[in-house]
PDB file of all heavy atoms in Angstrom:
ATOM      1  N   VAL A   1     183.183 249.326 202.665  1.00  0.00           N
ATOM      2  CA  VAL A   1     182.316 248.165 203.003  1.00  0.00           C
ATOM      3  C   VAL A   1     181.642 247.584 201.764  1.00  0.00           C
ATOM      4  O   VAL A   1     180.758 246.718 201.914  1.00  0.00           O
ATOM      5  CB  VAL A   1     181.251 248.564 204.053  1.00  0.00           C
ATOM      6  CG1 VAL A   1     181.933 249.003 205.360  1.00  0.00           C
ATOM      7  CG2 VAL A   1     180.318 249.654 203.528  1.00  0.00           C
ATOM      8  N   LEU A   2     182.058 247.969 200.569  1.00  0.00           N
ATOM      9  CA  LEU A   2     181.384 247.555 199.346  1.00  0.00           C
ATOM     10  C   LEU A   2     181.313 246.025 199.191  1.00  0.00           C
ATOM     11  O   LEU A   2     180.299 245.502 198.765  1.00  0.00           O
ATOM     12  CB  LEU A   2     182.049 248.182 198.140  1.00  0.00           C
ATOM     13  CG  LEU A   2     181.453 247.881 196.775  1.00  0.00           C
ATOM     14  CD1 LEU A   2     179.986 248.308 196.751  1.00  0.00           C
ATOM     15  CD2 LEU A   2     182.249 248.624 195.690  1.00  0.00           C
ATOM     16  N   ALA A   3     182.367 245.328 199.548  1.00  0.00           N
ATOM     17  CA  ALA A   3     182.377 243.865 199.405  1.00  0.00           C
ATOM     18  C   ALA A   3     181.310 243.208 200.283  1.00  0.00           C
ATOM     19  O   ALA A   3     180.873 242.114 199.997  1.00  0.00           O
ATOM     20  CB  ALA A   3     183.756 243.303 199.723  1.00  0.00           C
ATOM     21  N   ALA A   4     180.896 243.912 201.307  1.00  0.00           N
ATOM     22  CA  ALA A   4     179.857 243.370 202.245  1.00  0.00           C
ATOM     23  C   ALA A   4     178.621 244.258 202.232  1.00  0.00           C
ATOM     24  O   ALA A   4     177.967 244.493 203.238  1.00  0.00           O
ATOM     25  CB  ALA A   4     180.415 243.276 203.655  1.00  0.00           C
ATOM     26  N   TRP A   5     178.247 244.787 201.061  1.00  0.00           N
ATOM     27  CA  TRP A   5     177.137 245.745 200.943  1.00  0.00           C
ATOM     28  C   TRP A   5     175.830 245.206 201.494  1.00  0.00           C
ATOM     29  O   TRP A   5     175.018 245.973 202.002  1.00  0.00           O
ATOM     30  CB  TRP A   5     176.989 246.188 199.503  1.00  0.00           C
ATOM     31  CG  TRP A   5     176.588 245.126 198.522  1.00  0.00           C
ATOM     32  CD1 TRP A   5     177.423 244.350 197.800  1.00  0.00           C
ATOM     33  CD2 TRP A   5     175.260 244.753 198.182  1.00  0.00           C
ATOM     34  NE1 TRP A   5     176.692 243.471 196.991  1.00  0.00           N
ATOM     35  CE2 TRP A   5     175.372 243.709 197.215  1.00  0.00           C
ATOM     36  CE3 TRP A   5     173.984 245.181 198.557  1.00  0.00           C
ATOM     37  CZ2 TRP A   5     174.242 243.099 196.641  1.00  0.00           C
ATOM     38  CZ3 TRP A   5     172.871 244.552 198.000  1.00  0.00           C
ATOM     39  CH2 TRP A   5     173.014 243.538 197.057  1.00  0.00           C
ATOM     40  N   ARG A   6     175.600 243.918 201.391  1.00  0.00           N
ATOM     41  CA  ARG A   6     174.323 243.347 201.868  1.00  0.00           C
ATOM     42  C   ARG A   6     174.184 243.488 203.390  1.00  0.00           C
ATOM     43  O   ARG A   6     173.075 243.593 203.905  1.00  0.00           O
ATOM     44  CB  ARG A   6     174.219 241.854 201.507  1.00  0.00           C
ATOM     45  CG  ARG A   6     174.059 241.617 200.037  1.00  0.00           C
ATOM     46  CD  ARG A   6     173.978 240.090 199.707  1.00  0.00           C
ATOM     47  NE  ARG A   6     174.186 239.835 198.326  1.00  0.00           N
ATOM     48  CZ  ARG A   6     173.236 239.883 197.398  1.00  0.00           C
ATOM     49  NH1 ARG A   6     172.020 240.229 197.730  1.00  0.00           N
ATOM     50  NH2 ARG A   6     173.518 239.621 196.140  1.00  0.00           N
ATOM     51  N   GLU A   7     175.265 243.540 204.108  1.00  0.00           N
ATOM     52  CA  GLU A   7     175.264 243.627 205.566  1.00  0.00           C
ATOM     53  C   GLU A   7     175.376 245.088 206.056  1.00  0.00           C
ATOM     54  O   GLU A   7     175.331 245.343 207.240  1.00  0.00           O
ATOM     55  CB  GLU A   7     176.386 242.824 206.179  1.00  0.00           C
ATOM     56  CG  GLU A   7     176.214 241.315 206.060  1.00  0.00           C
ATOM     57  CD  GLU A   7     176.507 240.766 204.685  1.00  0.00           C
ATOM     58  OE1 GLU A   7     177.404 241.319 204.018  1.00  0.00           O
ATOM     59  OE2 GLU A   7     175.830 239.822 204.262  1.00  0.00           O
ATOM     60  N   SER A   8     175.602 246.022 205.142  1.00  0.00           N
ATOM     61  CA  SER A   8     175.841 247.419 205.534  1.00  0.00           C
ATOM     62  C   SER A   8     174.621 248.282 205.340  1.00  0.00           C
ATOM     63  O   SER A   8     173.940 248.226 204.310  1.00  0.00           O
ATOM     64  CB  SER A   8     176.998 247.979 204.682  1.00  0.00           C
ATOM     65  OG  SER A   8     177.147 249.366 204.936  1.00  0.00           O
ATOM     66  N   PRO A   9     174.335 249.166 206.324  1.00  0.00           N
ATOM     67  CA  PRO A   9     173.233 250.116 206.171  1.00  0.00           C
ATOM     68  C   PRO A   9     173.630 251.321 205.313  1.00  0.00           C
ATOM     69  O   PRO A   9     172.773 252.220 205.084  1.00  0.00           O
ATOM     70  CB  PRO A   9     172.960 250.534 207.629  1.00  0.00           C
ATOM     71  CG  PRO A   9     174.269 250.434 208.306  1.00  0.00           C
ATOM     72  CD  PRO A   9     174.940 249.253 207.661  1.00  0.00           C
ATOM     73  N   ALA A  10     174.830 251.350 204.795  1.00  0.00           N
ATOM     74  CA  ALA A  10     175.324 252.512 204.026  1.00  0.00           C
ATOM     75  C   ALA A  10     174.700 252.659 202.630  1.00  0.00           C
ATOM     76  O   ALA A  10     174.801 253.718 202.029  1.00  0.00           O
ATOM     77  CB  ALA A  10     176.848 252.466 203.901  1.00  0.00           C
ATOM     78  N   PHE A  11     174.032 251.613 202.132  1.00  0.00           N
ATOM     79  CA  PHE A  11     173.539 251.619 200.763  1.00  0.00           C
ATOM     80  C   PHE A  11     172.005 251.738 200.735  1.00  0.00           C
ATOM     81  O   PHE A  11     171.316 251.060 201.479  1.00  0.00           O
ATOM     82  CB  PHE A  11     173.968 250.347 200.049  1.00  0.00           C
ATOM     83  CG  PHE A  11     175.472 250.184 200.006  1.00  0.00           C
ATOM     84  CD1 PHE A  11     176.150 249.533 201.014  1.00  0.00           C
ATOM     85  CD2 PHE A  11     176.211 250.775 198.986  1.00  0.00           C
ATOM     86  CE1 PHE A  11     177.528 249.428 201.006  1.00  0.00           C
ATOM     87  CE2 PHE A  11     177.598 250.701 198.962  1.00  0.00           C
ATOM     88  CZ  PHE A  11     178.249 250.032 199.981  1.00  0.00           C
ATOM     89  N   ASP A  12     171.514 252.587 199.837  1.00  0.00           N
ATOM     90  CA  ASP A  12     170.066 252.772 199.742  1.00  0.00           C
ATOM     91  C   ASP A  12     169.480 251.670 198.807  1.00  0.00           C
ATOM     92  O   ASP A  12     170.209 250.846 198.254  1.00  0.00           O
ATOM     93  CB  ASP A  12     169.732 254.168 199.255  1.00  0.00           C
ATOM     94  CG  ASP A  12     170.220 254.487 197.831  1.00  0.00           C
ATOM     95  OD1 ASP A  12     170.369 253.592 196.978  1.00  0.00           O
ATOM     96  OD2 ASP A  12     170.439 255.710 197.558  1.00  0.00           O
ATOM     97  N   ALA A  13     168.163 251.689 198.686  1.00  0.00           N
ATOM     98  CA  ALA A  13     167.473 250.620 197.940  1.00  0.00           C
ATOM     99  C   ALA A  13     167.889 250.585 196.475  1.00  0.00           C
ATOM    100  O   ALA A  13     168.028 249.527 195.887  1.00  0.00           O
ATOM    101  CB  ALA A  13     165.960 250.816 198.057  1.00  0.00           C
ATOM    102  N   ARG A  14     168.102 251.742 195.887  1.00  0.00           N
ATOM    103  CA  ARG A  14     168.523 251.820 194.487  1.00  0.00           C
ATOM    104  C   ARG A  14     169.932 251.226 194.287  1.00  0.00           C
ATOM    105  O   ARG A  14     170.152 250.461 193.361  1.00  0.00           O
ATOM    106  CB  ARG A  14     168.474 253.278 194.048  1.00  0.00           C
ATOM    107  CG  ARG A  14     168.394 253.478 192.577  1.00  0.00           C
ATOM    108  CD  ARG A  14     167.931 254.932 192.337  1.00  0.00           C
ATOM    109  NE  ARG A  14     168.453 255.447 191.077  1.00  0.00           N
ATOM    110  CZ  ARG A  14     167.865 255.305 189.913  1.00  0.00           C
ATOM    111  NH1 ARG A  14     166.714 254.668 189.837  1.00  0.00           N
ATOM    112  NH2 ARG A  14     168.403 255.801 188.823  1.00  0.00           N
ATOM    113  N   GLU A  15     170.838 251.588 195.191  1.00  0.00           N
ATOM    114  CA  GLU A  15     172.189 251.031 195.112  1.00  0.00           C
ATOM    115  C   GLU A  15     172.159 249.510 195.325  1.00  0.00           C
ATOM    116  O   GLU A  15     172.842 248.752 194.632  1.00  0.00           O
ATOM    117  CB  GLU A  15     173.090 251.703 196.155  1.00  0.00           C
ATOM    118  CG  GLU A  15     173.365 253.152 195.839  1.00  0.00           C
ATOM    119  CD  GLU A  15     173.934 253.918 197.022  1.00  0.00           C
ATOM    120  OE1 GLU A  15     173.680 253.546 198.188  1.00  0.00           O
ATOM    121  OE2 GLU A  15     174.661 254.905 196.764  1.00  0.00           O
ATOM    122  N   ARG A  16     171.354 249.076 196.273  1.00  0.00           N
ATOM    123  CA  ARG A  16     171.234 247.635 196.559  1.00  0.00           C
ATOM    124  C   ARG A  16     170.722 246.848 195.341  1.00  0.00           C
ATOM    125  O   ARG A  16     171.230 245.782 195.007  1.00  0.00           O
ATOM    126  CB  ARG A  16     170.345 247.378 197.764  1.00  0.00           C
ATOM    127  CG  ARG A  16     170.939 247.796 199.083  1.00  0.00           C
ATOM    128  CD  ARG A  16     169.959 247.625 200.240  1.00  0.00           C
ATOM    129  NE  ARG A  16     170.637 248.002 201.462  1.00  0.00           N
ATOM    130  CZ  ARG A  16     171.565 247.255 202.084  1.00  0.00           C
ATOM    131  NH1 ARG A  16     171.874 246.087 201.615  1.00  0.00           N
ATOM    132  NH2 ARG A  16     172.131 247.684 203.163  1.00  0.00           N
ATOM    133  N   ALA A  17     169.709 247.433 194.675  1.00  0.00           N
ATOM    134  CA  ALA A  17     169.177 246.774 193.491  1.00  0.00           C
ATOM    135  C   ALA A  17     170.227 246.700 192.397  1.00  0.00           C
ATOM    136  O   ALA A  17     170.381 245.670 191.741  1.00  0.00           O
ATOM    137  CB  ALA A  17     167.930 247.517 193.008  1.00  0.00           C
ATOM    138  N   ALA A  18     170.971 247.782 192.205  1.00  0.00           N
ATOM    139  CA  ALA A  18     172.019 247.807 191.165  1.00  0.00           C
ATOM    140  C   ALA A  18     173.132 246.855 191.477  1.00  0.00           C
ATOM    141  O   ALA A  18     173.618 246.108 190.609  1.00  0.00           O
ATOM    142  CB  ALA A  18     172.560 249.239 190.997  1.00  0.00           C
ATOM    143  N   LEU A  19     173.563 246.805 192.755  1.00  0.00           N
ATOM    144  CA  LEU A  19     174.632 245.894 193.149  1.00  0.00           C
ATOM    145  C   LEU A  19     174.192 244.446 193.029  1.00  0.00           C
ATOM    146  O   LEU A  19     174.977 243.571 192.615  1.00  0.00           O
ATOM    147  CB  LEU A  19     175.135 246.249 194.549  1.00  0.00           C
ATOM    148  CG  LEU A  19     175.853 247.579 194.663  1.00  0.00           C
ATOM    149  CD1 LEU A  19     176.020 247.977 196.131  1.00  0.00           C
ATOM    150  CD2 LEU A  19     177.183 247.560 193.935  1.00  0.00           C
ATOM    151  N   GLY A  20     172.962 244.159 193.425  1.00  0.00           N
ATOM    152  CA  GLY A  20     172.444 242.785 193.296  1.00  0.00           C
ATOM    153  C   GLY A  20     172.419 242.325 191.857  1.00  0.00           C
ATOM    154  O   GLY A  20     172.776 241.213 191.525  1.00  0.00           O
ATOM    155  N   TRP A  21     171.975 243.223 190.966  1.00  0.00           N
ATOM    156  CA  TRP A  21     171.908 242.901 189.527  1.00  0.00           C
ATOM    157  C   TRP A  21     173.330 242.743 188.980  1.00  0.00           C
ATOM    158  O   TRP A  21     173.597 241.816 188.189  1.00  0.00           O
ATOM    159  CB  TRP A  21     171.143 243.976 188.804  1.00  0.00           C
ATOM    160  CG  TRP A  21     170.829 243.705 187.358  1.00  0.00           C
ATOM    161  CD1 TRP A  21     171.234 244.422 186.284  1.00  0.00           C
ATOM    162  CD2 TRP A  21     170.079 242.616 186.843  1.00  0.00           C
ATOM    163  NE1 TRP A  21     170.759 243.856 185.114  1.00  0.00           N
ATOM    164  CE2 TRP A  21     170.035 242.735 185.442  1.00  0.00           C
ATOM    165  CE3 TRP A  21     169.374 241.547 187.415  1.00  0.00           C
ATOM    166  CZ2 TRP A  21     169.371 241.849 184.620  1.00  0.00           C
ATOM    167  CZ3 TRP A  21     168.726 240.657 186.618  1.00  0.00           C
ATOM    168  CH2 TRP A  21     168.718 240.807 185.234  1.00  0.00           C
ATOM    169  N   ALA A  22     174.242 243.609 189.407  1.00  0.00           N
ATOM    170  CA  ALA A  22     175.645 243.508 188.967  1.00  0.00           C
ATOM    171  C   ALA A  22     176.235 242.150 189.365  1.00  0.00           C
ATOM    172  O   ALA A  22     176.902 241.459 188.562  1.00  0.00           O
ATOM    173  CB  ALA A  22     176.470 244.656 189.526  1.00  0.00           C
ATOM    174  N   GLU A  23     175.985 241.743 190.585  1.00  0.00           N
ATOM    175  CA  GLU A  23     176.521 240.446 191.049  1.00  0.00           C
ATOM    176  C   GLU A  23     175.853 239.303 190.284  1.00  0.00           C
ATOM    177  O   GLU A  23     176.549 238.343 189.893  1.00  0.00           O
ATOM    178  CB  GLU A  23     176.285 240.292 192.548  1.00  0.00           C
ATOM    179  CG  GLU A  23     177.187 241.151 193.366  1.00  0.00           C
ATOM    180  CD  GLU A  23     177.103 240.861 194.877  1.00  0.00           C
ATOM    181  OE1 GLU A  23     176.378 239.939 195.299  1.00  0.00           O
ATOM    182  OE2 GLU A  23     177.771 241.587 195.629  1.00  0.00           O
ATOM    183  N   ALA A  24     174.542 239.375 190.084  1.00  0.00           N
ATOM    184  CA  ALA A  24     173.842 238.320 189.380  1.00  0.00           C
ATOM    185  C   ALA A  24     174.373 238.145 187.932  1.00  0.00           C
ATOM    186  O   ALA A  24     174.581 236.996 187.500  1.00  0.00           O
ATOM    187  CB  ALA A  24     172.347 238.583 189.339  1.00  0.00           C
ATOM    188  N   LEU A  25     174.598 239.248 187.248  1.00  0.00           N
ATOM    189  CA  LEU A  25     175.114 239.153 185.887  1.00  0.00           C
ATOM    190  C   LEU A  25     176.583 238.794 185.809  1.00  0.00           C
ATOM    191  O   LEU A  25     177.016 238.098 184.883  1.00  0.00           O
ATOM    192  CB  LEU A  25     174.853 240.460 185.139  1.00  0.00           C
ATOM    193  CG  LEU A  25     173.398 240.801 184.888  1.00  0.00           C
ATOM    194  CD1 LEU A  25     173.278 242.088 184.072  1.00  0.00           C
ATOM    195  CD2 LEU A  25     172.647 239.655 184.217  1.00  0.00           C
ATOM    196  N   THR A  26     177.351 239.226 186.783  1.00  0.00           N
ATOM    197  CA  THR A  26     178.788 238.897 186.811  1.00  0.00           C
ATOM    198  C   THR A  26     178.990 237.432 187.101  1.00  0.00           C
ATOM    199  O   THR A  26     179.918 236.791 186.582  1.00  0.00           O
ATOM    200  CB  THR A  26     179.511 239.790 187.820  1.00  0.00           C
ATOM    201  OG1 THR A  26     179.333 241.142 187.415  1.00  0.00           O
ATOM    202  CG2 THR A  26     180.985 239.474 187.903  1.00  0.00           C
ATOM    203  N   ARG A  27     178.148 236.879 187.956  1.00  0.00           N
ATOM    204  CA  ARG A  27     178.240 235.436 188.344  1.00  0.00           C
ATOM    205  C   ARG A  27     177.141 234.646 187.616  1.00  0.00           C
ATOM    206  O   ARG A  27     176.530 233.751 188.219  1.00  0.00           O
ATOM    207  CB  ARG A  27     178.101 235.314 189.832  1.00  0.00           C
ATOM    208  CG  ARG A  27     179.212 235.996 190.610  1.00  0.00           C
ATOM    209  CD  ARG A  27     179.006 235.855 192.090  1.00  0.00           C
ATOM    210  NE  ARG A  27     180.216 236.252 192.808  1.00  0.00           N
ATOM    211  CZ  ARG A  27     180.215 236.869 193.948  1.00  0.00           C
ATOM    212  NH1 ARG A  27     179.071 237.223 194.533  1.00  0.00           N
ATOM    213  NH2 ARG A  27     181.360 237.177 194.542  1.00  0.00           N
ATOM    214  N   LEU A  28     176.921 234.954 186.364  1.00  0.00           N
ATOM    215  CA  LEU A  28     175.810 234.391 185.609  1.00  0.00           C
ATOM    216  C   LEU A  28     175.764 232.892 185.630  1.00  0.00           C
ATOM    217  O   LEU A  28     174.687 232.274 185.722  1.00  0.00           O
ATOM    218  CB  LEU A  28     175.889 234.923 184.164  1.00  0.00           C
ATOM    219  CG  LEU A  28     174.668 234.794 183.311  1.00  0.00           C
ATOM    220  CD1 LEU A  28     173.448 235.430 183.955  1.00  0.00           C
ATOM    221  CD2 LEU A  28     174.917 235.397 181.947  1.00  0.00           C
ATOM    222  N   GLU A  29     176.939 232.217 185.570  1.00  0.00           N
ATOM    223  CA  GLU A  29     176.936 230.771 185.554  1.00  0.00           C
ATOM    224  C   GLU A  29     176.384 230.190 186.844  1.00  0.00           C
ATOM    225  O   GLU A  29     175.802 229.109 186.842  1.00  0.00           O
ATOM    226  CB  GLU A  29     178.365 230.256 185.282  1.00  0.00           C
ATOM    227  CG  GLU A  29     179.286 230.164 186.465  1.00  0.00           C
ATOM    228  CD  GLU A  29     179.702 231.467 187.150  1.00  0.00           C
ATOM    229  OE1 GLU A  29     179.532 232.537 186.532  1.00  0.00           O
ATOM    230  OE2 GLU A  29     180.146 231.449 188.293  1.00  0.00           O
ATOM    231  N   ALA A  30     176.528 230.921 187.947  1.00  0.00           N
ATOM    232  CA  ALA A  30     176.059 230.439 189.232  1.00  0.00           C
ATOM    233  C   ALA A  30     174.625 230.910 189.548  1.00  0.00           C
ATOM    234  O   ALA A  30     173.885 230.231 190.256  1.00  0.00           O
ATOM    235  CB  ALA A  30     177.013 230.878 190.331  1.00  0.00           C
ATOM    236  N   THR A  31     174.248 232.090 189.047  1.00  0.00           N
ATOM    237  CA  THR A  31     172.973 232.675 189.458  1.00  0.00           C
ATOM    238  C   THR A  31     171.854 232.502 188.443  1.00  0.00           C
ATOM    239  O   THR A  31     170.695 232.446 188.837  1.00  0.00           O
ATOM    240  CB  THR A  31     173.154 234.200 189.717  1.00  0.00           C
ATOM    241  OG1 THR A  31     173.336 234.841 188.466  1.00  0.00           O
ATOM    242  CG2 THR A  31     174.269 234.506 190.673  1.00  0.00           C
ATOM    243  N   GLY A  32     172.184 232.509 187.171  1.00  0.00           N
ATOM    244  CA  GLY A  32     171.150 232.495 186.124  1.00  0.00           C
ATOM    245  C   GLY A  32     170.316 233.733 186.112  1.00  0.00           C
ATOM    246  O   GLY A  32     169.202 233.733 185.570  1.00  0.00           O
ATOM    247  N   ALA A  33     170.819 234.842 186.698  1.00  0.00           N
ATOM    248  CA  ALA A  33     170.078 236.100 186.800  1.00  0.00           C
ATOM    249  C   ALA A  33     168.677 235.857 187.398  1.00  0.00           C
ATOM    250  O   ALA A  33     167.660 235.951 186.732  1.00  0.00           O
ATOM    251  CB  ALA A  33     169.973 236.791 185.448  1.00  0.00           C
ATOM    252  N   PRO A  34     168.621 235.582 188.703  1.00  0.00           N
ATOM    253  CA  PRO A  34     167.353 235.193 189.331  1.00  0.00           C
ATOM    254  C   PRO A  34     166.293 236.296 189.285  1.00  0.00           C
ATOM    255  O   PRO A  34     166.578 237.468 189.274  1.00  0.00           O
ATOM    256  CB  PRO A  34     167.747 234.884 190.775  1.00  0.00           C
ATOM    257  CG  PRO A  34     169.068 235.481 190.988  1.00  0.00           C
ATOM    258  CD  PRO A  34     169.729 235.652 189.644  1.00  0.00           C
ATOM    259  N   GLN A  35     165.058 235.839 189.305  1.00  0.00           N
ATOM    260  CA  GLN A  35     163.908 236.732 189.240  1.00  0.00           C
ATOM    261  C   GLN A  35     163.901 237.716 190.371  1.00  0.00           C
ATOM    262  O   GLN A  35     163.554 238.877 190.200  1.00  0.00           O
ATOM    263  CB  GLN A  35     162.612 235.915 189.229  1.00  0.00           C
ATOM    264  CG  GLN A  35     161.379 236.764 188.889  1.00  0.00           C
ATOM    265  CD  GLN A  35     161.416 237.324 187.488  1.00  0.00           C
ATOM    266  OE1 GLN A  35     161.796 236.665 186.526  1.00  0.00           O
ATOM    267  NE2 GLN A  35     161.029 238.605 187.334  1.00  0.00           N
ATOM    268  N   ARG A  36     164.293 237.307 191.596  1.00  0.00           N
ATOM    269  CA  ARG A  36     164.278 238.214 192.731  1.00  0.00           C
ATOM    270  C   ARG A  36     165.220 239.396 192.515  1.00  0.00           C
ATOM    271  O   ARG A  36     164.880 240.528 192.898  1.00  0.00           O
ATOM    272  CB  ARG A  36     164.610 237.481 194.053  1.00  0.00           C
ATOM    273  CG  ARG A  36     166.046 237.075 194.165  1.00  0.00           C
ATOM    274  CD  ARG A  36     166.339 236.357 195.503  1.00  0.00           C
ATOM    275  NE  ARG A  36     167.719 235.908 195.522  1.00  0.00           N
ATOM    276  CZ  ARG A  36     168.201 234.818 194.905  1.00  0.00           C
ATOM    277  NH1 ARG A  36     167.370 234.023 194.220  1.00  0.00           N
ATOM    278  NH2 ARG A  36     169.482 234.496 194.986  1.00  0.00           N
ATOM    279  N   ASP A  37     166.358 239.174 191.866  1.00  0.00           N
ATOM    280  CA  ASP A  37     167.271 240.276 191.589  1.00  0.00           C
ATOM    281  C   ASP A  37     166.713 241.168 190.516  1.00  0.00           C
ATOM    282  O   ASP A  37     166.825 242.435 190.586  1.00  0.00           O
ATOM    283  CB  ASP A  37     168.642 239.745 191.155  1.00  0.00           C
ATOM    284  CG  ASP A  37     169.403 239.126 192.332  1.00  0.00           C
ATOM    285  OD1 ASP A  37     169.226 239.556 193.487  1.00  0.00           O
ATOM    286  OD2 ASP A  37     170.150 238.148 192.075  1.00  0.00           O
ATOM    287  N   TYR A  38     166.056 240.596 189.518  1.00  0.00           N
ATOM    288  CA  TYR A  38     165.419 241.408 188.472  1.00  0.00           C
ATOM    289  C   TYR A  38     164.250 242.204 189.035  1.00  0.00           C
ATOM    290  O   TYR A  38     164.088 243.376 188.741  1.00  0.00           O
ATOM    291  CB  TYR A  38     164.969 240.548 187.278  1.00  0.00           C
ATOM    292  CG  TYR A  38     164.419 241.425 186.187  1.00  0.00           C
ATOM    293  CD1 TYR A  38     165.280 242.102 185.324  1.00  0.00           C
ATOM    294  CD2 TYR A  38     163.042 241.600 186.047  1.00  0.00           C
ATOM    295  CE1 TYR A  38     164.758 242.948 184.346  1.00  0.00           C
ATOM    296  CE2 TYR A  38     162.529 242.435 185.070  1.00  0.00           C
ATOM    297  CZ  TYR A  38     163.402 243.120 184.216  1.00  0.00           C
ATOM    298  OH  TYR A  38     162.885 243.945 183.274  1.00  0.00           O
ATOM    299  N   ASP A  39     163.467 241.599 189.894  1.00  0.00           N
ATOM    300  CA  ASP A  39     162.324 242.292 190.499  1.00  0.00           C
ATOM    301  C   ASP A  39     162.811 243.457 191.368  1.00  0.00           C
ATOM    302  O   ASP A  39     162.185 244.558 191.305  1.00  0.00           O
ATOM    303  CB  ASP A  39     161.488 241.333 191.356  1.00  0.00           C
ATOM    304  CG  ASP A  39     160.722 240.299 190.519  1.00  0.00           C
ATOM    305  OD1 ASP A  39     160.590 240.490 189.274  1.00  0.00           O
ATOM    306  OD2 ASP A  39     160.261 239.317 191.122  1.00  0.00           O
ATOM    307  N   ALA A  40     163.878 243.272 192.106  1.00  0.00           N
ATOM    308  CA  ALA A  40     164.438 244.368 192.896  1.00  0.00           C
ATOM    309  C   ALA A  40     164.922 245.495 191.994  1.00  0.00           C
ATOM    310  O   ALA A  40     164.702 246.682 192.269  1.00  0.00           O
ATOM    311  CB  ALA A  40     165.575 243.852 193.776  1.00  0.00           C
ATOM    312  N   LEU A  41     165.534 245.107 190.871  1.00  0.00           N
ATOM    313  CA  LEU A  41     166.013 246.095 189.894  1.00  0.00           C
ATOM    314  C   LEU A  41     164.821 246.854 189.302  1.00  0.00           C
ATOM    315  O   LEU A  41     164.798 248.117 189.246  1.00  0.00           O
ATOM    316  CB  LEU A  41     166.769 245.387 188.787  1.00  0.00           C
ATOM    317  CG  LEU A  41     167.390 246.266 187.712  1.00  0.00           C
ATOM    318  CD1 LEU A  41     168.597 246.988 188.240  1.00  0.00           C
ATOM    319  CD2 LEU A  41     167.755 245.405 186.494  1.00  0.00           C
ATOM    320  N   ALA A  42     163.799 246.138 188.883  1.00  0.00           N
ATOM    321  CA  ALA A  42     162.620 246.734 188.238  1.00  0.00           C
ATOM    322  C   ALA A  42     161.862 247.665 189.206  1.00  0.00           C
ATOM    323  O   ALA A  42     161.249 248.641 188.768  1.00  0.00           O
ATOM    324  CB  ALA A  42     161.687 245.657 187.706  1.00  0.00           C
ATOM    325  N   ALA A  43     161.938 247.400 190.484  1.00  0.00           N
ATOM    326  CA  ALA A  43     161.274 248.262 191.489  1.00  0.00           C
ATOM    327  C   ALA A  43     161.961 249.595 191.647  1.00  0.00           C
ATOM    328  O   ALA A  43     161.356 250.573 192.096  1.00  0.00           O
ATOM    329  CB  ALA A  43     161.211 247.554 192.843  1.00  0.00           C
ATOM    330  N   GLN A  44     163.235 249.664 191.269  1.00  0.00           N
ATOM    331  CA  GLN A  44     164.010 250.888 191.463  1.00  0.00           C
ATOM    332  C   GLN A  44     164.374 251.638 190.193  1.00  0.00           C
ATOM    333  O   GLN A  44     164.722 252.812 190.224  1.00  0.00           O
ATOM    334  CB  GLN A  44     165.325 250.570 192.230  1.00  0.00           C
ATOM    335  CG  GLN A  44     165.094 250.018 193.624  1.00  0.00           C
ATOM    336  CD  GLN A  44     164.440 251.044 194.513  1.00  0.00           C
ATOM    337  OE1 GLN A  44     164.745 252.233 194.455  1.00  0.00           O
ATOM    338  NE2 GLN A  44     163.534 250.601 195.380  1.00  0.00           N
ATOM    339  N   PHE A  45     164.334 250.948 189.063  1.00  0.00           N
ATOM    340  CA  PHE A  45     164.829 251.499 187.792  1.00  0.00           C
ATOM    341  C   PHE A  45     163.784 251.318 186.702  1.00  0.00           C
ATOM    342  O   PHE A  45     163.180 250.249 186.581  1.00  0.00           O
ATOM    343  CB  PHE A  45     166.134 250.822 187.364  1.00  0.00           C
ATOM    344  CG  PHE A  45     167.294 251.092 188.272  1.00  0.00           C
ATOM    345  CD1 PHE A  45     167.532 250.281 189.353  1.00  0.00           C
ATOM    346  CD2 PHE A  45     168.125 252.184 188.047  1.00  0.00           C
ATOM    347  CE1 PHE A  45     168.618 250.516 190.207  1.00  0.00           C
ATOM    348  CE2 PHE A  45     169.183 252.435 188.899  1.00  0.00           C
ATOM    349  CZ  PHE A  45     169.437 251.598 189.977  1.00  0.00           C
TER     350      PHE A  45
END
């Protein structure tokens, strides 16, 4: 279910923060690494 991690209860908060940051940086041209993703990352790491 990794491709749909946002909709799955299988991932904990730390994994969600890491996956959100990974997506934000991988799609940098579209996301600009948004503050909400960084804040979620900073709350867990």
